[in-house]
Amino acid sequence: MEHLTLELFRPANTEYMKALTSLGVSITLTISPESGVDHVRMAHGRNYTNTELIKTIELCQENHIPLLVFFMLALAEDSYDTVKDTWKFWEKICMMDQEARSEEYPITVNYGFGPMILLDPGSLAFDNPSNYGYRMLSNTLEGHIKQMEQPSWHQWINYETKYLRRDEIARLILDTIERSISLREKYGIYDRTRAFVEKFCYVDVSRLIMKEVNKIAELKDEREKDIKLKLLQNKIQEYFTKFKLTNV
C-alpha cells in the first residue's frame, strides 16, 4: 500500500495522529463538517465546534498529513448570513494553509463544497422533511421526473427550507461558487486566468442561462418554448466553442 485516504467522522486527537504517522505510508484525511457554523452543523448530526475543527487542522499540519474539509450548501438551518459565515471559515482555512505551506508540503489543508440540488430520496429529511427543516417541492416519482426534465439545473432543486426558497437557493449556489473562486485566486491556488475562466463558465453563463430559461418558461406556446430553448442552447455552445471553452 502506497497511499491511504481516510474520512474522519469527528475531530482527531494527538494519539490518533501519532498512530497514523506510525503506519509509514502517505496519508490524506478528509472531514465533512458540512457548515462553517456550529449550530447548522450540529443540526445535521455533526456534534463538534469550529474550535475543535481548527485544532484538527493544526494537528494535521504538525504531522504533515494533508486534510480536505468538505462543506454542503443550502442546509435546513442555512440562511444568507450563515453561508457568509461559512465563507469566512473557508478564508480561515486558506490562511492556515498559506502559513503552513513549504516546498515539500505545497498544500496542507484545503476545502471543498457541494451544492445540495436534490434532497436525497430515502434520507431521513426526504421521508420526514418537516421534522428536519425542509419542504419538498415534489414527493412523487412522477413529479420528480417532471422536474428533472426541465432544461436548467436551477429547476431541478427539489426542496426549500424555512429560510430559503428555491430561487434563493439557486442564487446562493452561484454566489458561493463566485466567492470560492475569488478566495482561491487570492490565496494563490488559482492564477488570474483560471479564475477568470471559471467565473465566466460556472457563474456568468449560469446566471445568463437562469435568466433566459425563466423568461422562456413564462411562454404559453410549447412549440415557441422549444424553439427558444434550442436557440439559447446553440448560442451558448457557439460562444464556448469560439473561445475554446468546450471542455471546461
C-alpha atoms as a PDB file:
ATOM      1  CA  MET A   1       0.000   0.000   0.000  1.00  0.00           C
ATOM      2  CA  GLU A   2       1.447   3.330  -1.099  1.00  0.00           C
ATOM      3  CA  HIS A   3      -1.296   5.765  -0.092  1.00  0.00           C
ATOM      4  CA  LEU A   4      -4.241   5.773   2.306  1.00  0.00           C
ATOM      5  CA  THR A   5      -7.212   8.181   2.374  1.00  0.00           C
ATOM      6  CA  LEU A   6      -9.460   8.185   5.449  1.00  0.00           C
ATOM      7  CA  GLU A   7     -12.647  10.069   6.330  1.00  0.00           C
ATOM      8  CA  LEU A   8     -12.832  11.479   9.837  1.00  0.00           C
ATOM      9  CA  PHE A   9     -16.321  11.415  11.362  1.00  0.00           C
ATOM     10  CA  ARG A  10     -15.248  13.632  14.262  1.00  0.00           C
ATOM     11  CA  PRO A  11     -12.195  15.759  15.086  1.00  0.00           C
ATOM     12  CA  ALA A  12      -8.972  13.812  15.630  1.00  0.00           C
ATOM     13  CA  ASN A  13      -6.684  13.933  18.664  1.00  0.00           C
ATOM     14  CA  THR A  14      -2.913  13.719  19.073  1.00  0.00           C
ATOM     15  CA  GLU A  15      -2.902   9.969  19.747  1.00  0.00           C
ATOM     16  CA  TYR A  16      -4.799   9.244  16.562  1.00  0.00           C
ATOM     17  CA  MET A  17      -2.395  11.348  14.504  1.00  0.00           C
ATOM     18  CA  LYS A  18       0.597   9.549  16.009  1.00  0.00           C
ATOM     19  CA  ALA A  19      -0.986   6.212  15.154  1.00  0.00           C
ATOM     20  CA  LEU A  20      -1.460   7.318  11.535  1.00  0.00           C
ATOM     21  CA  THR A  21       2.092   8.573  11.108  1.00  0.00           C
ATOM     22  CA  SER A  22       3.436   5.301  12.526  1.00  0.00           C
ATOM     23  CA  LEU A  23       1.912   3.427   9.556  1.00  0.00           C
ATOM     24  CA  GLY A  24       4.763   4.606   7.350  1.00  0.00           C
ATOM     25  CA  VAL A  25       2.615   5.331   4.261  1.00  0.00           C
ATOM     26  CA  SER A  26       1.407   8.508   2.575  1.00  0.00           C
ATOM     27  CA  ILE A  27      -1.924   9.588   4.107  1.00  0.00           C
ATOM     28  CA  THR A  28      -4.672  12.083   3.257  1.00  0.00           C
ATOM     29  CA  LEU A  29      -7.535  12.802   5.638  1.00  0.00           C
ATOM     30  CA  THR A  30     -10.976  14.231   4.876  1.00  0.00           C
ATOM     31  CA  ILE A  31     -13.640  15.553   7.215  1.00  0.00           C
ATOM     32  CA  SER A  32     -17.145  16.812   6.368  1.00  0.00           C
ATOM     33  CA  PRO A  33     -18.399  19.401   8.846  1.00  0.00           C
ATOM     34  CA  GLU A  34     -20.991  20.435   6.188  1.00  0.00           C
ATOM     35  CA  SER A  35     -21.147  24.017   7.555  1.00  0.00           C
ATOM     36  CA  GLY A  36     -18.759  26.578   8.961  1.00  0.00           C
ATOM     37  CA  VAL A  37     -21.388  27.499  11.565  1.00  0.00           C
ATOM     38  CA  ASP A  38     -21.687  25.400  14.716  1.00  0.00           C
ATOM     39  CA  HIS A  39     -25.479  25.317  15.103  1.00  0.00           C
ATOM     40  CA  VAL A  40     -26.065  24.490  11.420  1.00  0.00           C
ATOM     41  CA  ARG A  41     -23.521  21.665  11.614  1.00  0.00           C
ATOM     42  CA  MET A  42     -24.953  20.250  14.832  1.00  0.00           C
ATOM     43  CA  ALA A  43     -28.495  20.261  13.427  1.00  0.00           C
ATOM     44  CA  HIS A  44     -27.183  17.768  10.855  1.00  0.00           C
ATOM     45  CA  GLY A  45     -25.520  15.414  13.314  1.00  0.00           C
ATOM     46  CA  ARG A  46     -22.001  16.836  13.308  1.00  0.00           C
ATOM     47  CA  ASN A  47     -21.616  17.455  17.036  1.00  0.00           C
ATOM     48  CA  TYR A  48     -18.378  19.403  17.165  1.00  0.00           C
ATOM     49  CA  THR A  49     -17.355  23.046  17.049  1.00  0.00           C
ATOM     50  CA  ASN A  50     -15.213  25.190  14.766  1.00  0.00           C
ATOM     51  CA  THR A  51     -12.653  25.341  17.566  1.00  0.00           C
ATOM     52  CA  GLU A  52     -12.331  21.543  17.532  1.00  0.00           C
ATOM     53  CA  LEU A  53     -12.152  21.543  13.749  1.00  0.00           C
ATOM     54  CA  ILE A  54      -9.341  24.115  13.731  1.00  0.00           C
ATOM     55  CA  LYS A  55      -7.432  22.006  16.257  1.00  0.00           C
ATOM     56  CA  THR A  56      -7.690  19.023  13.897  1.00  0.00           C
ATOM     57  CA  ILE A  57      -6.331  21.156  11.049  1.00  0.00           C
ATOM     58  CA  GLU A  58      -3.398  22.198  13.235  1.00  0.00           C
ATOM     59  CA  LEU A  59      -2.674  18.579  14.200  1.00  0.00           C
ATOM     60  CA  CYS A  60      -2.718  17.530  10.547  1.00  0.00           C
ATOM     61  CA  GLN A  61      -0.301  20.326   9.655  1.00  0.00           C
ATOM     62  CA  GLU A  62       2.020  19.454  12.537  1.00  0.00           C
ATOM     63  CA  ASN A  63       2.109  15.833  11.337  1.00  0.00           C
ATOM     64  CA  HIS A  64       2.315  16.747   7.618  1.00  0.00           C
ATOM     65  CA  ILE A  65      -0.962  14.996   6.775  1.00  0.00           C
ATOM     66  CA  PRO A  66      -2.982  16.818   4.071  1.00  0.00           C
ATOM     67  CA  LEU A  67      -6.607  17.445   5.042  1.00  0.00           C
ATOM     68  CA  LEU A  68      -9.645  18.160   2.855  1.00  0.00           C
ATOM     69  CA  VAL A  69     -12.540  19.848   4.684  1.00  0.00           C
ATOM     70  CA  PHE A  70     -15.831  19.368   2.836  1.00  0.00           C
ATOM     71  CA  PHE A  71     -18.980  21.508   3.090  1.00  0.00           C
ATOM     72  CA  MET A  72     -22.562  21.329   1.821  1.00  0.00           C
ATOM     73  CA  LEU A  73     -24.665  24.281   0.745  1.00  0.00           C
ATOM     74  CA  ALA A  74     -28.303  25.224   1.450  1.00  0.00           C
ATOM     75  CA  LEU A  75     -28.852  23.037   4.502  1.00  0.00           C
ATOM     76  CA  ALA A  76     -32.042  23.308   6.538  1.00  0.00           C
ATOM     77  CA  GLU A  77     -30.664  25.838   9.027  1.00  0.00           C
ATOM     78  CA  ASP A  78     -28.761  27.826   6.403  1.00  0.00           C
ATOM     79  CA  SER A  79     -29.535  31.440   5.558  1.00  0.00           C
ATOM     80  CA  TYR A  80     -27.512  34.003   3.615  1.00  0.00           C
ATOM     81  CA  ASP A  81     -25.891  35.034   6.894  1.00  0.00           C
ATOM     82  CA  THR A  82     -24.811  31.509   7.881  1.00  0.00           C
ATOM     83  CA  VAL A  83     -23.428  30.864   4.402  1.00  0.00           C
ATOM     84  CA  LYS A  84     -21.435  34.110   4.575  1.00  0.00           C
ATOM     85  CA  ASP A  85     -20.034  32.885   7.904  1.00  0.00           C
ATOM     86  CA  THR A  86     -19.049  29.642   6.177  1.00  0.00           C
ATOM     87  CA  TRP A  87     -17.225  31.713   3.523  1.00  0.00           C
ATOM     88  CA  LYS A  88     -15.301  33.377   6.356  1.00  0.00           C
ATOM     89  CA  PHE A  89     -14.358  29.963   7.695  1.00  0.00           C
ATOM     90  CA  TRP A  90     -13.094  28.974   4.241  1.00  0.00           C
ATOM     91  CA  GLU A  91     -10.854  32.024   4.300  1.00  0.00           C
ATOM     92  CA  LYS A  92      -9.543  30.939   7.712  1.00  0.00           C
ATOM     93  CA  ILE A  93      -8.681  27.553   6.163  1.00  0.00           C
ATOM     94  CA  CYS A  94      -6.897  29.277   3.247  1.00  0.00           C
ATOM     95  CA  MET A  95      -4.902  31.448   5.660  1.00  0.00           C
ATOM     96  CA  MET A  96      -3.870  28.427   7.743  1.00  0.00           C
ATOM     97  CA  ASP A  97      -2.788  26.616   4.601  1.00  0.00           C
ATOM     98  CA  GLN A  98      -0.793  29.574   3.310  1.00  0.00           C
ATOM     99  CA  GLU A  99       1.039  29.968   6.613  1.00  0.00           C
ATOM    100  CA  ALA A 100       1.991  26.268   6.718  1.00  0.00           C
ATOM    101  CA  ARG A 101       2.989  25.745   3.073  1.00  0.00           C
ATOM    102  CA  SER A 102       6.518  24.832   2.087  1.00  0.00           C
ATOM    103  CA  GLU A 103       8.265  23.415  -0.965  1.00  0.00           C
ATOM    104  CA  GLU A 104       7.881  19.931   0.479  1.00  0.00           C
ATOM    105  CA  TYR A 105       4.259  20.465   1.529  1.00  0.00           C
ATOM    106  CA  PRO A 106       2.644  22.794  -1.051  1.00  0.00           C
ATOM    107  CA  ILE A 107      -0.913  22.197   0.212  1.00  0.00           C
ATOM    108  CA  THR A 108      -1.546  21.283   3.852  1.00  0.00           C
ATOM    109  CA  VAL A 109      -5.301  21.858   4.126  1.00  0.00           C
ATOM    110  CA  ASN A 110      -7.937  22.596   1.515  1.00  0.00           C
ATOM    111  CA  TYR A 111     -11.700  22.935   1.435  1.00  0.00           C
ATOM    112  CA  GLY A 112     -14.313  21.684  -0.989  1.00  0.00           C
ATOM    113  CA  PHE A 113     -18.053  22.098  -1.191  1.00  0.00           C
ATOM    114  CA  GLY A 114     -21.084  20.702  -2.938  1.00  0.00           C
ATOM    115  CA  PRO A 115     -24.404  22.446  -3.562  1.00  0.00           C
ATOM    116  CA  MET A 116     -27.400  20.361  -2.499  1.00  0.00           C
ATOM    117  CA  ILE A 117     -29.547  20.323  -5.642  1.00  0.00           C
ATOM    118  CA  LEU A 118     -31.581  17.302  -4.557  1.00  0.00           C
ATOM    119  CA  LEU A 119     -32.650  16.188  -1.120  1.00  0.00           C
ATOM    120  CA  ASP A 120     -31.734  12.513  -1.388  1.00  0.00           C
ATOM    121  CA  PRO A 121     -34.640  10.047  -1.698  1.00  0.00           C
ATOM    122  CA  GLY A 122     -34.521   7.607   1.208  1.00  0.00           C
ATOM    123  CA  SER A 123     -32.828  10.047   3.571  1.00  0.00           C
ATOM    124  CA  LEU A 124     -34.473  10.943   6.882  1.00  0.00           C
ATOM    125  CA  ALA A 125     -35.022  14.509   5.692  1.00  0.00           C
ATOM    126  CA  PHE A 126     -36.645  13.320   2.446  1.00  0.00           C
ATOM    127  CA  ASP A 127     -39.028  10.961   4.261  1.00  0.00           C
ATOM    128  CA  ASN A 128     -39.838  13.425   7.073  1.00  0.00           C
ATOM    129  CA  PRO A 129     -38.925  16.875   5.696  1.00  0.00           C
ATOM    130  CA  SER A 130     -40.864  18.976   8.213  1.00  0.00           C
ATOM    131  CA  ASN A 131     -39.022  17.286  11.100  1.00  0.00           C
ATOM    132  CA  TYR A 132     -35.678  18.439   9.681  1.00  0.00           C
ATOM    133  CA  GLY A 133     -36.492  21.942   8.452  1.00  0.00           C
ATOM    134  CA  TYR A 134     -37.200  21.147   4.785  1.00  0.00           C
ATOM    135  CA  ARG A 135     -40.194  21.378   2.465  1.00  0.00           C
ATOM    136  CA  MET A 136     -40.331  19.040  -0.522  1.00  0.00           C
ATOM    137  CA  LEU A 137     -41.448  20.588  -3.818  1.00  0.00           C
ATOM    138  CA  SER A 138     -42.417  17.172  -5.131  1.00  0.00           C
ATOM    139  CA  ASN A 139     -42.614  13.886  -3.258  1.00  0.00           C
ATOM    140  CA  THR A 140     -43.855  11.637  -6.065  1.00  0.00           C
ATOM    141  CA  LEU A 141     -41.866   9.804  -8.719  1.00  0.00           C
ATOM    142  CA  GLU A 142     -43.907  11.444 -11.466  1.00  0.00           C
ATOM    143  CA  GLY A 143     -43.278  14.902 -10.034  1.00  0.00           C
ATOM    144  CA  HIS A 144     -39.566  14.167  -9.640  1.00  0.00           C
ATOM    145  CA  ILE A 145     -39.258  13.015 -13.271  1.00  0.00           C
ATOM    146  CA  LYS A 146     -41.127  16.108 -14.473  1.00  0.00           C
ATOM    147  CA  GLN A 147     -38.730  18.362 -12.536  1.00  0.00           C
ATOM    148  CA  MET A 148     -35.636  16.587 -13.850  1.00  0.00           C
ATOM    149  CA  GLU A 149     -36.871  17.026 -17.426  1.00  0.00           C
ATOM    150  CA  GLN A 150     -36.596  20.819 -17.082  1.00  0.00           C
ATOM    151  CA  PRO A 151     -33.766  22.392 -19.145  1.00  0.00           C
ATOM    152  CA  SER A 152     -31.717  24.072 -16.381  1.00  0.00           C
ATOM    153  CA  TRP A 153     -30.206  22.761 -13.132  1.00  0.00           C
ATOM    154  CA  HIS A 154     -31.846  25.504 -11.043  1.00  0.00           C
ATOM    155  CA  GLN A 155     -35.235  23.996 -11.935  1.00  0.00           C
ATOM    156  CA  TRP A 156     -34.188  20.590 -10.576  1.00  0.00           C
ATOM    157  CA  ILE A 157     -33.854  21.755  -6.955  1.00  0.00           C
ATOM    158  CA  ASN A 158     -36.486  19.636  -5.189  1.00  0.00           C
ATOM    159  CA  TYR A 159     -36.744  21.323  -1.795  1.00  0.00           C
ATOM    160  CA  GLU A 160     -36.946  24.605   0.092  1.00  0.00           C
ATOM    161  CA  THR A 161     -36.087  25.467   3.693  1.00  0.00           C
ATOM    162  CA  LYS A 162     -37.649  27.726   6.293  1.00  0.00           C
ATOM    163  CA  TYR A 163     -35.112  30.412   5.323  1.00  0.00           C
ATOM    164  CA  LEU A 164     -34.561  29.858   1.592  1.00  0.00           C
ATOM    165  CA  ARG A 165     -36.894  29.498  -1.402  1.00  0.00           C
ATOM    166  CA  ARG A 166     -35.773  27.548  -4.457  1.00  0.00           C
ATOM    167  CA  ASP A 167     -34.805  30.655  -6.452  1.00  0.00           C
ATOM    168  CA  GLU A 168     -32.814  31.912  -3.459  1.00  0.00           C
ATOM    169  CA  ILE A 169     -31.003  28.569  -3.168  1.00  0.00           C
ATOM    170  CA  ALA A 170     -30.032  28.785  -6.854  1.00  0.00           C
ATOM    171  CA  ARG A 171     -28.680  32.341  -6.465  1.00  0.00           C
ATOM    172  CA  LEU A 172     -26.860  31.383  -3.280  1.00  0.00           C
ATOM    173  CA  ILE A 173     -25.154  28.484  -5.062  1.00  0.00           C
ATOM    174  CA  LEU A 174     -23.776  30.796  -7.767  1.00  0.00           C
ATOM    175  CA  ASP A 175     -22.758  33.459  -5.244  1.00  0.00           C
ATOM    176  CA  THR A 176     -20.876  30.783  -3.310  1.00  0.00           C
ATOM    177  CA  ILE A 177     -19.096  29.443  -6.391  1.00  0.00           C
ATOM    178  CA  GLU A 178     -18.030  33.003  -7.240  1.00  0.00           C
ATOM    179  CA  ARG A 179     -16.796  33.604  -3.696  1.00  0.00           C
ATOM    180  CA  SER A 180     -14.852  30.341  -3.688  1.00  0.00           C
ATOM    181  CA  ILE A 181     -13.124  31.160  -6.989  1.00  0.00           C
ATOM    182  CA  SER A 182     -12.139  34.589  -5.626  1.00  0.00           C
ATOM    183  CA  LEU A 183     -10.693  33.017  -2.480  1.00  0.00           C
ATOM    184  CA  ARG A 184      -8.669  30.501  -4.475  1.00  0.00           C
ATOM    185  CA  GLU A 185      -7.263  33.299  -6.611  1.00  0.00           C
ATOM    186  CA  LYS A 186      -6.498  35.458  -3.553  1.00  0.00           C
ATOM    187  CA  TYR A 187      -4.513  32.680  -1.862  1.00  0.00           C
ATOM    188  CA  GLY A 188      -2.627  31.518  -4.946  1.00  0.00           C
ATOM    189  CA  ILE A 189      -4.488  28.260  -5.606  1.00  0.00           C
ATOM    190  CA  TYR A 190      -5.767  29.653  -8.944  1.00  0.00           C
ATOM    191  CA  ASP A 191      -3.937  32.052 -11.226  1.00  0.00           C
ATOM    192  CA  ARG A 192      -5.804  35.023 -12.690  1.00  0.00           C
ATOM    193  CA  THR A 193      -6.574  33.296 -15.993  1.00  0.00           C
ATOM    194  CA  ARG A 194      -8.074  30.210 -14.388  1.00  0.00           C
ATOM    195  CA  ALA A 195     -10.152  32.353 -12.004  1.00  0.00           C
ATOM    196  CA  PHE A 196     -11.485  34.426 -14.914  1.00  0.00           C
ATOM    197  CA  VAL A 197     -12.378  31.363 -16.990  1.00  0.00           C
ATOM    198  CA  GLU A 198     -14.092  29.568 -14.115  1.00  0.00           C
ATOM    199  CA  LYS A 199     -16.112  32.640 -13.142  1.00  0.00           C
ATOM    200  CA  PHE A 200     -17.210  33.057 -16.743  1.00  0.00           C
ATOM    201  CA  CYS A 201     -18.112  29.408 -17.293  1.00  0.00           C
ATOM    202  CA  TYR A 202     -19.611  28.486 -13.941  1.00  0.00           C
ATOM    203  CA  VAL A 203     -21.087  31.796 -12.761  1.00  0.00           C
ATOM    204  CA  ASP A 204     -21.676  34.333 -15.527  1.00  0.00           C
ATOM    205  CA  VAL A 205     -23.003  31.841 -18.069  1.00  0.00           C
ATOM    206  CA  SER A 206     -25.155  30.113 -15.442  1.00  0.00           C
ATOM    207  CA  ARG A 207     -26.711  33.420 -14.388  1.00  0.00           C
ATOM    208  CA  LEU A 208     -27.484  34.232 -18.021  1.00  0.00           C
ATOM    209  CA  ILE A 209     -28.993  30.797 -18.632  1.00  0.00           C
ATOM    210  CA  MET A 210     -31.133  31.014 -15.489  1.00  0.00           C
ATOM    211  CA  LYS A 211     -32.465  34.428 -16.510  1.00  0.00           C
ATOM    212  CA  GLU A 212     -33.273  33.372 -20.081  1.00  0.00           C
ATOM    213  CA  VAL A 213     -34.769  30.000 -19.112  1.00  0.00           C
ATOM    214  CA  ASN A 214     -37.045  31.706 -16.567  1.00  0.00           C
ATOM    215  CA  LYS A 215     -38.265  34.100 -19.262  1.00  0.00           C
ATOM    216  CA  ILE A 216     -38.866  31.244 -21.700  1.00  0.00           C
ATOM    217  CA  ALA A 217     -40.735  29.246 -19.034  1.00  0.00           C
ATOM    218  CA  GLU A 218     -43.378  32.013 -18.894  1.00  0.00           C
ATOM    219  CA  LEU A 219     -44.321  31.484 -22.562  1.00  0.00           C
ATOM    220  CA  LYS A 220     -47.654  29.769 -23.172  1.00  0.00           C
ATOM    221  CA  ASP A 221     -46.885  28.199 -26.538  1.00  0.00           C
ATOM    222  CA  GLU A 222     -44.930  24.921 -26.047  1.00  0.00           C
ATOM    223  CA  ARG A 223     -43.557  24.987 -29.595  1.00  0.00           C
ATOM    224  CA  GLU A 224     -42.233  28.522 -29.096  1.00  0.00           C
ATOM    225  CA  LYS A 225     -40.648  27.403 -25.824  1.00  0.00           C
ATOM    226  CA  ASP A 226     -38.820  24.542 -27.548  1.00  0.00           C
ATOM    227  CA  ILE A 227     -37.559  26.809 -30.344  1.00  0.00           C
ATOM    228  CA  LYS A 228     -36.241  29.460 -27.947  1.00  0.00           C
ATOM    229  CA  LEU A 229     -34.589  26.869 -25.692  1.00  0.00           C
ATOM    230  CA  LYS A 230     -32.841  25.332 -28.708  1.00  0.00           C
ATOM    231  CA  LEU A 231     -31.669  28.764 -29.865  1.00  0.00           C
ATOM    232  CA  LEU A 232     -30.321  29.503 -26.380  1.00  0.00           C
ATOM    233  CA  GLN A 233     -28.500  26.170 -26.266  1.00  0.00           C
ATOM    234  CA  ASN A 234     -26.932  26.773 -29.691  1.00  0.00           C
ATOM    235  CA  LYS A 235     -25.883  30.311 -28.759  1.00  0.00           C
ATOM    236  CA  ILE A 236     -24.151  29.183 -25.566  1.00  0.00           C
ATOM    237  CA  GLN A 237     -22.402  26.319 -27.353  1.00  0.00           C
ATOM    238  CA  GLU A 238     -21.295  28.647 -30.157  1.00  0.00           C
ATOM    239  CA  TYR A 239     -19.824  31.083 -27.641  1.00  0.00           C
ATOM    240  CA  PHE A 240     -17.960  28.367 -25.756  1.00  0.00           C
ATOM    241  CA  THR A 241     -16.575  26.921 -28.983  1.00  0.00           C
ATOM    242  CA  LYS A 242     -15.465  30.355 -30.191  1.00  0.00           C
ATOM    243  CA  PHE A 243     -13.387  30.868 -27.060  1.00  0.00           C
ATOM    244  CA  LYS A 244     -12.212  27.236 -26.965  1.00  0.00           C
ATOM    245  CA  LEU A 245     -14.040  26.567 -23.690  1.00  0.00           C
ATOM    246  CA  THR A 246     -15.908  23.436 -24.748  1.00  0.00           C
ATOM    247  CA  ASN A 247     -14.012  21.194 -22.323  1.00  0.00           C
ATOM    248  CA  VAL A 248     -14.216  23.498 -19.299  1.00  0.00           C
END
